C-alpha atoms as a PDB file:
ATOM      1  CA  MET A   1      -9.295 -36.963  14.745  1.00  0.00           C
ATOM      2  CA  GLN A   2      -7.249 -38.484  11.359  1.00  0.00           C
ATOM      3  CA  THR A   3      -3.771 -39.100  11.708  1.00  0.00           C
ATOM      4  CA  THR A   4      -2.147 -36.117   9.457  1.00  0.00           C
ATOM      5  CA  LEU A   5      -3.873 -32.714  10.941  1.00  0.00           C
ATOM      6  CA  LYS A   6      -4.706 -30.123   7.760  1.00  0.00           C
ATOM      7  CA  ILE A   7      -3.729 -26.928   8.082  1.00  0.00           C
ATOM      8  CA  GLY A   8      -5.417 -24.461   5.680  1.00  0.00           C
ATOM      9  CA  THR A   9      -4.110 -21.234   4.646  1.00  0.00           C
ATOM     10  CA  ARG A  10      -3.875 -18.759   1.595  1.00  0.00           C
ATOM     11  CA  GLY A  11      -1.124 -19.062  -0.738  1.00  0.00           C
ATOM     12  CA  SER A  12       0.646 -15.832  -0.660  1.00  0.00           C
ATOM     13  CA  PRO A  13       4.363 -16.202   0.663  1.00  0.00           C
ATOM     14  CA  LEU A  14       3.322 -14.806   3.325  1.00  0.00           C
ATOM     15  CA  ALA A  15       0.454 -17.170   4.681  1.00  0.00           C
ATOM     16  CA  LEU A  16       2.609 -19.865   3.995  1.00  0.00           C
ATOM     17  CA  ALA A  17       5.651 -18.713   5.655  1.00  0.00           C
ATOM     18  CA  GLN A  18       2.881 -18.417   8.686  1.00  0.00           C
ATOM     19  CA  ALA A  19       0.889 -21.649   8.172  1.00  0.00           C
ATOM     20  CA  HIS A  20       4.619 -23.357   8.335  1.00  0.00           C
ATOM     21  CA  GLU A  21       5.122 -21.780  11.353  1.00  0.00           C
ATOM     22  CA  THR A  22       2.439 -23.188  13.137  1.00  0.00           C
ATOM     23  CA  ARG A  23       3.533 -26.450  11.743  1.00  0.00           C
ATOM     24  CA  THR A  24       7.168 -26.043  13.210  1.00  0.00           C
ATOM     25  CA  ARG A  25       5.666 -24.842  16.749  1.00  0.00           C
ATOM     26  CA  LEU A  26       3.348 -27.996  16.777  1.00  0.00           C
ATOM     27  CA  MET A  27       6.544 -30.490  15.293  1.00  0.00           C
ATOM     28  CA  ALA A  28       8.564 -29.230  18.622  1.00  0.00           C
ATOM     29  CA  ALA A  29       5.352 -29.120  21.417  1.00  0.00           C
ATOM     30  CA  HIS A  30       4.297 -32.692  20.430  1.00  0.00           C
ATOM     31  CA  GLY A  31       7.043 -34.214  19.114  1.00  0.00           C
ATOM     32  CA  LEU A  32       6.158 -34.725  15.741  1.00  0.00           C
ATOM     33  CA  PRO A  33       7.387 -35.629  12.341  1.00  0.00           C
ATOM     34  CA  GLU A  34       6.717 -33.154   9.678  1.00  0.00           C
ATOM     35  CA  GLU A  35       4.450 -35.867   8.150  1.00  0.00           C
ATOM     36  CA  ALA A  36       1.944 -35.640  10.825  1.00  0.00           C
ATOM     37  CA  PHE A  37       0.805 -32.377   9.034  1.00  0.00           C
ATOM     38  CA  GLU A  38      -0.935 -31.457   5.937  1.00  0.00           C
ATOM     39  CA  ILE A  39      -0.869 -27.613   4.645  1.00  0.00           C
ATOM     40  CA  ALA A  40      -3.530 -27.270   2.148  1.00  0.00           C
ATOM     41  CA  VAL A  41      -3.595 -23.800   0.043  1.00  0.00           C
ATOM     42  CA  ILE A  42      -7.043 -22.566  -0.405  1.00  0.00           C
ATOM     43  CA  SER A  43      -7.393 -19.674  -2.871  1.00  0.00           C
ATOM     44  CA  THR A  44      -9.952 -17.073  -1.130  1.00  0.00           C
ATOM     45  CA  SER A  45     -11.634 -13.804  -3.056  1.00  0.00           C
ATOM     46  CA  GLY A  46      -9.171 -11.514  -1.438  1.00  0.00           C
ATOM     47  CA  ASP A  47      -6.464 -13.195  -3.239  1.00  0.00           C
ATOM     48  CA  ARG A  48      -8.380 -12.971  -6.993  1.00  0.00           C
ATOM     49  CA  ILE A  49     -10.148  -9.521  -7.121  1.00  0.00           C
ATOM     50  CA  GLN A  50      -7.004  -7.341  -7.337  1.00  0.00           C
ATOM     51  CA  ASP A  51      -8.826  -4.709  -9.372  1.00  0.00           C
ATOM     52  CA  ARG A  52     -10.546  -2.698  -6.719  1.00  0.00           C
ATOM     53  CA  PRO A  53      -9.971  -1.983  -2.878  1.00  0.00           C
ATOM     54  CA  LEU A  54     -11.434  -4.060  -0.120  1.00  0.00           C
ATOM     55  CA  SER A  55     -13.858  -2.462   0.964  1.00  0.00           C
ATOM     56  CA  GLU A  56     -15.707  -1.979  -2.005  1.00  0.00           C
ATOM     57  CA  ALA A  57     -15.038  -5.683  -3.106  1.00  0.00           C
ATOM     58  CA  GLY A  58     -16.556  -6.937   0.177  1.00  0.00           C
ATOM     59  CA  GLY A  59     -14.509  -6.284   3.552  1.00  0.00           C
ATOM     60  CA  LYS A  60     -12.024  -8.553   5.385  1.00  0.00           C
ATOM     61  CA  GLY A  61     -14.125 -11.412   5.141  1.00  0.00           C
ATOM     62  CA  LEU A  62     -13.114 -12.221   1.235  1.00  0.00           C
ATOM     63  CA  PHE A  63      -9.642 -13.354   3.079  1.00  0.00           C
ATOM     64  CA  THR A  64     -11.151 -16.181   4.601  1.00  0.00           C
ATOM     65  CA  LYS A  65     -14.753 -17.024   3.406  1.00  0.00           C
ATOM     66  CA  GLU A  66     -13.497 -20.352   1.820  1.00  0.00           C
ATOM     67  CA  ILE A  67     -10.975 -21.166   3.930  1.00  0.00           C
ATOM     68  CA  GLU A  68     -13.719 -21.178   6.829  1.00  0.00           C
ATOM     69  CA  GLU A  69     -16.004 -22.935   4.489  1.00  0.00           C
ATOM     70  CA  ALA A  70     -13.574 -26.068   4.150  1.00  0.00           C
ATOM     71  CA  MET A  71     -12.865 -26.020   7.709  1.00  0.00           C
ATOM     72  CA  LEU A  72     -16.885 -26.386   8.301  1.00  0.00           C
ATOM     73  CA  ALA A  73     -16.968 -29.406   5.998  1.00  0.00           C
ATOM     74  CA  GLY A  74     -14.420 -31.113   7.634  1.00  0.00           C
ATOM     75  CA  ARG A  75     -11.380 -30.840   4.329  1.00  0.00           C
ATOM     76  CA  ILE A  76      -9.507 -29.222   6.876  1.00  0.00           C
ATOM     77  CA  ASP A  77      -9.040 -29.036  10.949  1.00  0.00           C
ATOM     78  CA  ILE A  78      -7.540 -25.469  11.243  1.00  0.00           C
ATOM     79  CA  ALA A  79      -6.777 -22.624   9.662  1.00  0.00           C
ATOM     80  CA  VAL A  80      -3.866 -20.002   9.565  1.00  0.00           C
ATOM     81  CA  HIS A  81      -4.565 -16.256   9.201  1.00  0.00           C
ATOM     82  CA  SER A  82      -3.400 -12.718   9.869  1.00  0.00           C
ATOM     83  CA  SER A  83      -5.268 -11.499  13.034  1.00  0.00           C
ATOM     84  CA  LYS A  84      -5.700  -7.992  11.477  1.00  0.00           C
ATOM     85  CA  ASP A  85      -7.319 -10.067   8.313  1.00  0.00           C
ATOM     86  CA  MET A  86     -10.480 -11.158  11.078  1.00  0.00           C
ATOM     87  CA  PRO A  87     -13.203  -9.874  10.638  1.00  0.00           C
ATOM     88  CA  THR A  88     -14.770  -9.622  14.723  1.00  0.00           C
ATOM     89  CA  VAL A  89     -17.772 -12.024  13.875  1.00  0.00           C
ATOM     90  CA  LEU A  90     -17.072 -15.345  13.262  1.00  0.00           C
ATOM     91  CA  PRO A  91     -18.916 -18.328  11.223  1.00  0.00           C
ATOM     92  CA  GLU A  92     -21.296 -20.334  13.764  1.00  0.00           C
ATOM     93  CA  GLY A  93     -19.232 -23.171  14.790  1.00  0.00           C
ATOM     94  CA  LEU A  94     -15.626 -21.536  14.252  1.00  0.00           C
ATOM     95  CA  GLU A  95     -13.203 -19.931  16.969  1.00  0.00           C
ATOM     96  CA  LEU A  96     -10.271 -18.238  17.123  1.00  0.00           C
ATOM     97  CA  CYS A  97      -7.899 -21.095  19.596  1.00  0.00           C
ATOM     98  CA  ALA A  98      -4.559 -19.931  19.819  1.00  0.00           C
ATOM     99  CA  PHE A  99      -2.468 -17.159  18.873  1.00  0.00           C
ATOM    100  CA  LEU A 100       1.101 -16.656  17.984  1.00  0.00           C
ATOM    101  CA  PRO A 101       3.856 -14.446  19.825  1.00  0.00           C
ATOM    102  CA  ARG A 102       2.952 -11.557  18.161  1.00  0.00           C
ATOM    103  CA  GLU A 103       6.170  -9.868  16.325  1.00  0.00           C
ATOM    104  CA  ASP A 104       6.578  -6.004  15.833  1.00  0.00           C
ATOM    105  CA  ALA A 105       3.431  -4.725  15.077  1.00  0.00           C
ATOM    106  CA  ARG A 106       4.754  -1.239  13.760  1.00  0.00           C
ATOM    107  CA  ASP A 107       3.747  -0.455   9.995  1.00  0.00           C
ATOM    108  CA  ALA A 108       7.308  -0.356   7.443  1.00  0.00           C
ATOM    109  CA  PHE A 109       7.874   2.270   5.131  1.00  0.00           C
ATOM    110  CA  ILE A 110       9.681   1.594   1.677  1.00  0.00           C
ATOM    111  CA  GLY A 111      10.766   4.178  -0.284  1.00  0.00           C
ATOM    112  CA  ARG A 112      12.674   5.068  -3.836  1.00  0.00           C
ATOM    113  CA  ALA A 113      11.982   8.458  -3.664  1.00  0.00           C
ATOM    114  CA  ALA A 114      13.250   9.085  -0.218  1.00  0.00           C
ATOM    115  CA  LYS A 115      13.828   6.717   3.093  1.00  0.00           C
ATOM    116  CA  THR A 116      11.132   9.053   5.263  1.00  0.00           C
ATOM    117  CA  ILE A 117       7.733   9.990   4.937  1.00  0.00           C
ATOM    118  CA  ALA A 118       8.931  13.370   5.434  1.00  0.00           C
ATOM    119  CA  GLU A 119      11.231  13.456   3.585  1.00  0.00           C
ATOM    120  CA  LEU A 120       9.029  12.513   0.107  1.00  0.00           C
ATOM    121  CA  PRO A 121       9.233  15.193  -2.625  1.00  0.00           C
ATOM    122  CA  ARG A 122       5.706  17.462  -2.697  1.00  0.00           C
ATOM    123  CA  GLY A 123       3.360  15.708  -4.622  1.00  0.00           C
ATOM    124  CA  ALA A 124       4.953  12.721  -4.461  1.00  0.00           C
ATOM    125  CA  ARG A 125       3.087   9.175  -4.591  1.00  0.00           C
ATOM    126  CA  VAL A 126       2.507   6.769  -2.081  1.00  0.00           C
ATOM    127  CA  GLY A 127       0.959   3.536  -2.417  1.00  0.00           C
ATOM    128  CA  SER A 128      -1.719   1.657   0.259  1.00  0.00           C
ATOM    129  CA  SER A 129      -4.997   0.055  -0.254  1.00  0.00           C
ATOM    130  CA  SER A 130      -5.789   0.411   3.242  1.00  0.00           C
ATOM    131  CA  LEU A 131      -7.819   3.153   4.919  1.00  0.00           C
ATOM    132  CA  ARG A 132      -6.242   3.325   7.935  1.00  0.00           C
ATOM    133  CA  ARG A 133      -3.305   3.882   6.114  1.00  0.00           C
ATOM    134  CA  GLN A 134      -4.261   6.287   3.808  1.00  0.00           C
ATOM    135  CA  ALA A 135      -5.755   8.228   6.385  1.00  0.00           C
ATOM    136  CA  LEU A 136      -2.477   8.768   8.520  1.00  0.00           C
ATOM    137  CA  ILE A 137      -0.455   9.419   5.528  1.00  0.00           C
ATOM    138  CA  ARG A 138      -2.503  12.182   4.617  1.00  0.00           C
ATOM    139  CA  ARG A 139      -2.450  13.418   8.161  1.00  0.00           C
ATOM    140  CA  MET A 140       1.184  13.491   8.005  1.00  0.00           C
ATOM    141  CA  ARG A 141       1.892  14.936   4.612  1.00  0.00           C
ATOM    142  CA  PRO A 142      -1.725  16.274   2.786  1.00  0.00           C
ATOM    143  CA  ASP A 143       0.289  17.315  -0.236  1.00  0.00           C
ATOM    144  CA  LEU A 144       0.503  13.428  -0.803  1.00  0.00           C
ATOM    145  CA  GLU A 145      -0.925  11.040  -3.623  1.00  0.00           C
ATOM    146  CA  VAL A 146      -2.259   8.087  -2.349  1.00  0.00           C
ATOM    147  CA  VAL A 147      -2.545   5.558  -4.851  1.00  0.00           C
ATOM    148  CA  MET A 148      -4.289   1.989  -4.785  1.00  0.00           C
ATOM    149  CA  PHE A 149      -1.767  -0.689  -4.131  1.00  0.00           C
ATOM    150  CA  ARG A 150      -3.025  -4.389  -3.959  1.00  0.00           C
ATOM    151  CA  GLY A 151      -1.554  -7.689  -4.336  1.00  0.00           C
ATOM    152  CA  ASN A 152       0.594  -9.622  -1.650  1.00  0.00           C
ATOM    153  CA  VAL A 153       4.238  -8.290  -0.484  1.00  0.00           C
ATOM    154  CA  GLN A 154       6.388  -9.402  -3.594  1.00  0.00           C
ATOM    155  CA  THR A 155       4.046  -7.564  -5.702  1.00  0.00           C
ATOM    156  CA  ARG A 156       3.598  -4.365  -4.003  1.00  0.00           C
ATOM    157  CA  LEU A 157       7.584  -4.113  -4.212  1.00  0.00           C
ATOM    158  CA  ARG A 158       7.610  -5.474  -7.802  1.00  0.00           C
ATOM    159  CA  LYS A 159       4.918  -1.800  -8.190  1.00  0.00           C
ATOM    160  CA  LEU A 160       7.542  -0.041  -6.416  1.00  0.00           C
ATOM    161  CA  ASP A 161      10.501  -1.023  -9.035  1.00  0.00           C
ATOM    162  CA  GLU A 162       8.127  -0.201 -12.184  1.00  0.00           C
ATOM    163  CA  GLY A 163       7.498   3.109 -10.730  1.00  0.00           C
ATOM    164  CA  VAL A 164       3.920   2.911  -9.947  1.00  0.00           C
ATOM    165  CA  ALA A 165       4.669   4.677  -6.625  1.00  0.00           C
ATOM    166  CA  ASN A 166       7.802   6.422  -4.619  1.00  0.00           C
ATOM    167  CA  GLY A 167       7.002   4.794  -1.852  1.00  0.00           C
ATOM    168  CA  THR A 168       4.964   2.121  -0.030  1.00  0.00           C
ATOM    169  CA  ILE A 169       3.576   1.278   3.433  1.00  0.00           C
ATOM    170  CA  LEU A 170       3.694  -2.562   5.193  1.00  0.00           C
ATOM    171  CA  ALA A 171       3.399  -4.506   7.923  1.00  0.00           C
ATOM    172  CA  TYR A 172       6.693  -4.797   9.622  1.00  0.00           C
ATOM    173  CA  ALA A 173       6.039  -8.872  10.924  1.00  0.00           C
ATOM    174  CA  GLY A 174       5.186  -9.916   7.107  1.00  0.00           C
ATOM    175  CA  LEU A 175       8.761  -8.372   6.035  1.00  0.00           C
ATOM    176  CA  LYS A 176      10.191  -9.973   8.783  1.00  0.00           C
ATOM    177  CA  ARG A 177       8.722 -13.874   8.351  1.00  0.00           C
ATOM    178  CA  LEU A 178       9.550 -13.495   4.869  1.00  0.00           C
ATOM    179  CA  GLY A 179      13.078 -12.023   5.469  1.00  0.00           C
ATOM    180  CA  LEU A 180      13.063  -8.735   3.849  1.00  0.00           C
ATOM    181  CA  GLU A 181      13.818  -6.370   6.625  1.00  0.00           C
ATOM    182  CA  HIS A 182      16.327  -5.321   4.154  1.00  0.00           C
ATOM    183  CA  VAL A 183      14.004  -3.320   1.931  1.00  0.00           C
ATOM    184  CA  VAL A 184      13.000  -0.971   5.237  1.00  0.00           C
ATOM    185  CA  THR A 185      14.067   2.478   4.811  1.00  0.00           C
ATOM    186  CA  ASP A 186      11.937   3.431   7.747  1.00  0.00           C
ATOM    187  CA  LEU A 187       9.427   2.398  10.997  1.00  0.00           C
ATOM    188  CA  MET A 188       6.905   4.151  11.810  1.00  0.00           C
ATOM    189  CA  SER A 189       6.047   4.896  15.072  1.00  0.00           C
ATOM    190  CA  LEU A 190       3.260   3.139  17.245  1.00  0.00           C
ATOM    191  CA  GLU A 191       2.011   6.411  18.431  1.00  0.00           C
ATOM    192  CA  LYS A 192       2.604   8.576  15.238  1.00  0.00           C
ATOM    193  CA  PHE A 193       1.017   5.484  12.997  1.00  0.00           C
ATOM    194  CA  PRO A 194      -0.555   3.073  15.138  1.00  0.00           C
ATOM    195  CA  PRO A 195      -1.265  -0.178  13.459  1.00  0.00           C
ATOM    196  CA  ALA A 196      -4.500  -2.102  12.486  1.00  0.00           C
ATOM    197  CA  PRO A 197      -6.054  -4.326  15.104  1.00  0.00           C
ATOM    198  CA  GLY A 198      -4.181  -7.475  14.883  1.00  0.00           C
ATOM    199  CA  GLN A 199      -1.446  -6.447  13.282  1.00  0.00           C
ATOM    200  CA  GLY A 200       1.753  -8.456  13.908  1.00  0.00           C
ATOM    201  CA  ALA A 201      -0.264 -11.303  15.276  1.00  0.00           C
ATOM    202  CA  ILE A 202      -0.820 -14.605  13.962  1.00  0.00           C
ATOM    203  CA  CYS A 203      -4.032 -16.492  15.106  1.00  0.00           C
ATOM    204  CA  ILE A 204      -5.429 -19.969  14.452  1.00  0.00           C
ATOM    205  CA  GLU A 205      -9.249 -20.859  14.127  1.00  0.00           C
ATOM    206  CA  SER A 206     -10.341 -24.224  14.540  1.00  0.00           C
ATOM    207  CA  ARG A 207     -14.294 -25.956  15.092  1.00  0.00           C
ATOM    208  CA  ILE A 208     -15.434 -25.625  18.612  1.00  0.00           C
ATOM    209  CA  GLY A 209     -15.716 -28.726  19.998  1.00  0.00           C
ATOM    210  CA  ASP A 210     -12.610 -30.110  18.622  1.00  0.00           C
ATOM    211  CA  ALA A 211     -10.934 -31.786  21.718  1.00  0.00           C
ATOM    212  CA  GLU A 212      -7.877 -33.120  20.091  1.00  0.00           C
ATOM    213  CA  VAL A 213      -7.132 -29.870  18.082  1.00  0.00           C
ATOM    214  CA  GLU A 214      -7.657 -27.776  21.135  1.00  0.00           C
ATOM    215  CA  ARG A 215      -5.496 -29.798  23.550  1.00  0.00           C
ATOM    216  CA  MET A 216      -3.086 -29.531  20.279  1.00  0.00           C
ATOM    217  CA  LEU A 217      -3.054 -25.832  20.011  1.00  0.00           C
ATOM    218  CA  ALA A 218      -3.010 -25.158  24.062  1.00  0.00           C
ATOM    219  CA  ALA A 219       0.384 -26.098  23.792  1.00  0.00           C
ATOM    220  CA  ILE A 220       1.688 -23.308  21.393  1.00  0.00           C
ATOM    221  CA  HIS A 221      -1.132 -20.824  22.622  1.00  0.00           C
ATOM    222  CA  ASP A 222       0.777 -17.260  24.115  1.00  0.00           C
ATOM    223  CA  ALA A 223      -1.573 -15.874  26.581  1.00  0.00           C
ATOM    224  CA  PRO A 224      -0.142 -12.421  26.194  1.00  0.00           C
ATOM    225  CA  THR A 225      -0.740 -11.783  22.823  1.00  0.00           C
ATOM    226  CA  GLY A 226      -4.577 -13.545  23.040  1.00  0.00           C
ATOM    227  CA  GLN A 227      -4.954 -11.208  25.625  1.00  0.00           C
ATOM    228  CA  ALA A 228      -3.940  -8.147  23.608  1.00  0.00           C
ATOM    229  CA  LEU A 229      -5.557  -9.290  20.771  1.00  0.00           C
ATOM    230  CA  ALA A 230      -9.170 -10.224  23.001  1.00  0.00           C
ATOM    231  CA  CYS A 231      -8.683  -6.450  23.775  1.00  0.00           C
ATOM    232  CA  GLU A 232      -8.423  -5.034  20.159  1.00  0.00           C
ATOM    233  CA  ARG A 233     -10.838  -7.367  18.558  1.00  0.00           C
ATOM    234  CA  ALA A 234     -13.477  -5.755  21.357  1.00  0.00           C
ATOM    235  CA  PHE A 235     -12.307  -2.476  20.135  1.00  0.00           C
ATOM    236  CA  LEU A 236     -12.765  -2.962  16.561  1.00  0.00           C
ATOM    237  CA  ALA A 237     -16.476  -4.440  17.787  1.00  0.00           C
ATOM    238  CA  ALA A 238     -17.703  -1.919  19.514  1.00  0.00           C
ATOM    239  CA  LEU A 239     -16.682   0.683  16.437  1.00  0.00           C
ATOM    240  CA  ASP A 240     -18.415  -1.832  13.831  1.00  0.00           C
ATOM    241  CA  GLY A 241     -14.844  -1.531  12.437  1.00  0.00           C
ATOM    242  CA  SER A 242     -14.594  -3.519   8.831  1.00  0.00           C
ATOM    243  CA  CYS A 243     -11.973  -2.702   5.920  1.00  0.00           C
ATOM    244  CA  ARG A 244     -14.578   0.274   5.211  1.00  0.00           C
ATOM    245  CA  THR A 245     -13.724   1.955   8.463  1.00  0.00           C
ATOM    246  CA  PRO A 246     -10.006   3.468   8.914  1.00  0.00           C
ATOM    247  CA  ILE A 247      -9.307   1.751  12.345  1.00  0.00           C
ATOM    248  CA  ALA A 248      -6.247   1.650  14.491  1.00  0.00           C
ATOM    249  CA  GLY A 249      -5.613   0.412  17.311  1.00  0.00           C
ATOM    250  CA  HIS A 250      -2.499  -1.194  19.652  1.00  0.00           C
ATOM    251  CA  ALA A 251      -3.266  -2.887  23.419  1.00  0.00           C
ATOM    252  CA  THR A 252      -0.402  -3.295  25.998  1.00  0.00           C
ATOM    253  CA  ILE A 253      -0.894  -5.183  28.672  1.00  0.00           C
ATOM    254  CA  SER A 254       1.712  -4.642  31.957  1.00  0.00           C
ATOM    255  CA  GLY A 255       0.298  -6.476  35.096  1.00  0.00           C
ATOM    256  CA  ASP A 256      -3.173  -5.225  35.535  1.00  0.00           C
ATOM    257  CA  LYS A 257      -2.739  -2.362  33.161  1.00  0.00           C
ATOM    258  CA  LEU A 258      -4.617  -1.935  29.748  1.00  0.00           C
ATOM    259  CA  SER A 259      -3.174   0.488  27.615  1.00  0.00           C
END
């Protein structure tokens, strides 16, 4: 492997925060300087398509396709992703080699007209492009109107400020990584508002058989997170899950018990 490890990532503030966290952990684990790594920003179809839901545009692979193509072509060595964005079937020659310790997997409500979904006035608008979140919102409050919300975290918060919706739901982990915990008005319980499989976990993708990369990533891999995510991804695969299906799932492993 060349002296510089090239880390591929999307260009959103959250994606960059996750890439920087990965780099920081690798630096600490191997005693390497920042100059030993290069963060390569790659634009994906999912970032460019903002006018329609992912379920209509092509699904989860929209956030990974161009990054994976760059890795297969040798332009980057590893890719850092949000685990919930990953399709259950990866391109031939690639694997998920490491998971960082999982953050809080809960969803967070950010309200303008009320602090909780329960307190929203009848007919209020909640912004979300996730079929899972839409289904859960409608289960809790059939009277609410769900409007499409695409874009990165900052874009969605701006839409709230512009009055496009009275509230929205985002992954709490992403808000924490961006230092935006203060915008949260309510945290949704895992039982009543279960998260997407993989939510809250950063995964690192690499080429199969790249021994040096595998050695480096082994030092930052969190085994409990990897085990839980293996269960969640198997569950998702069994249900043929994609952005076209509203599936929630969260695995907890305690000793030899899985729940």
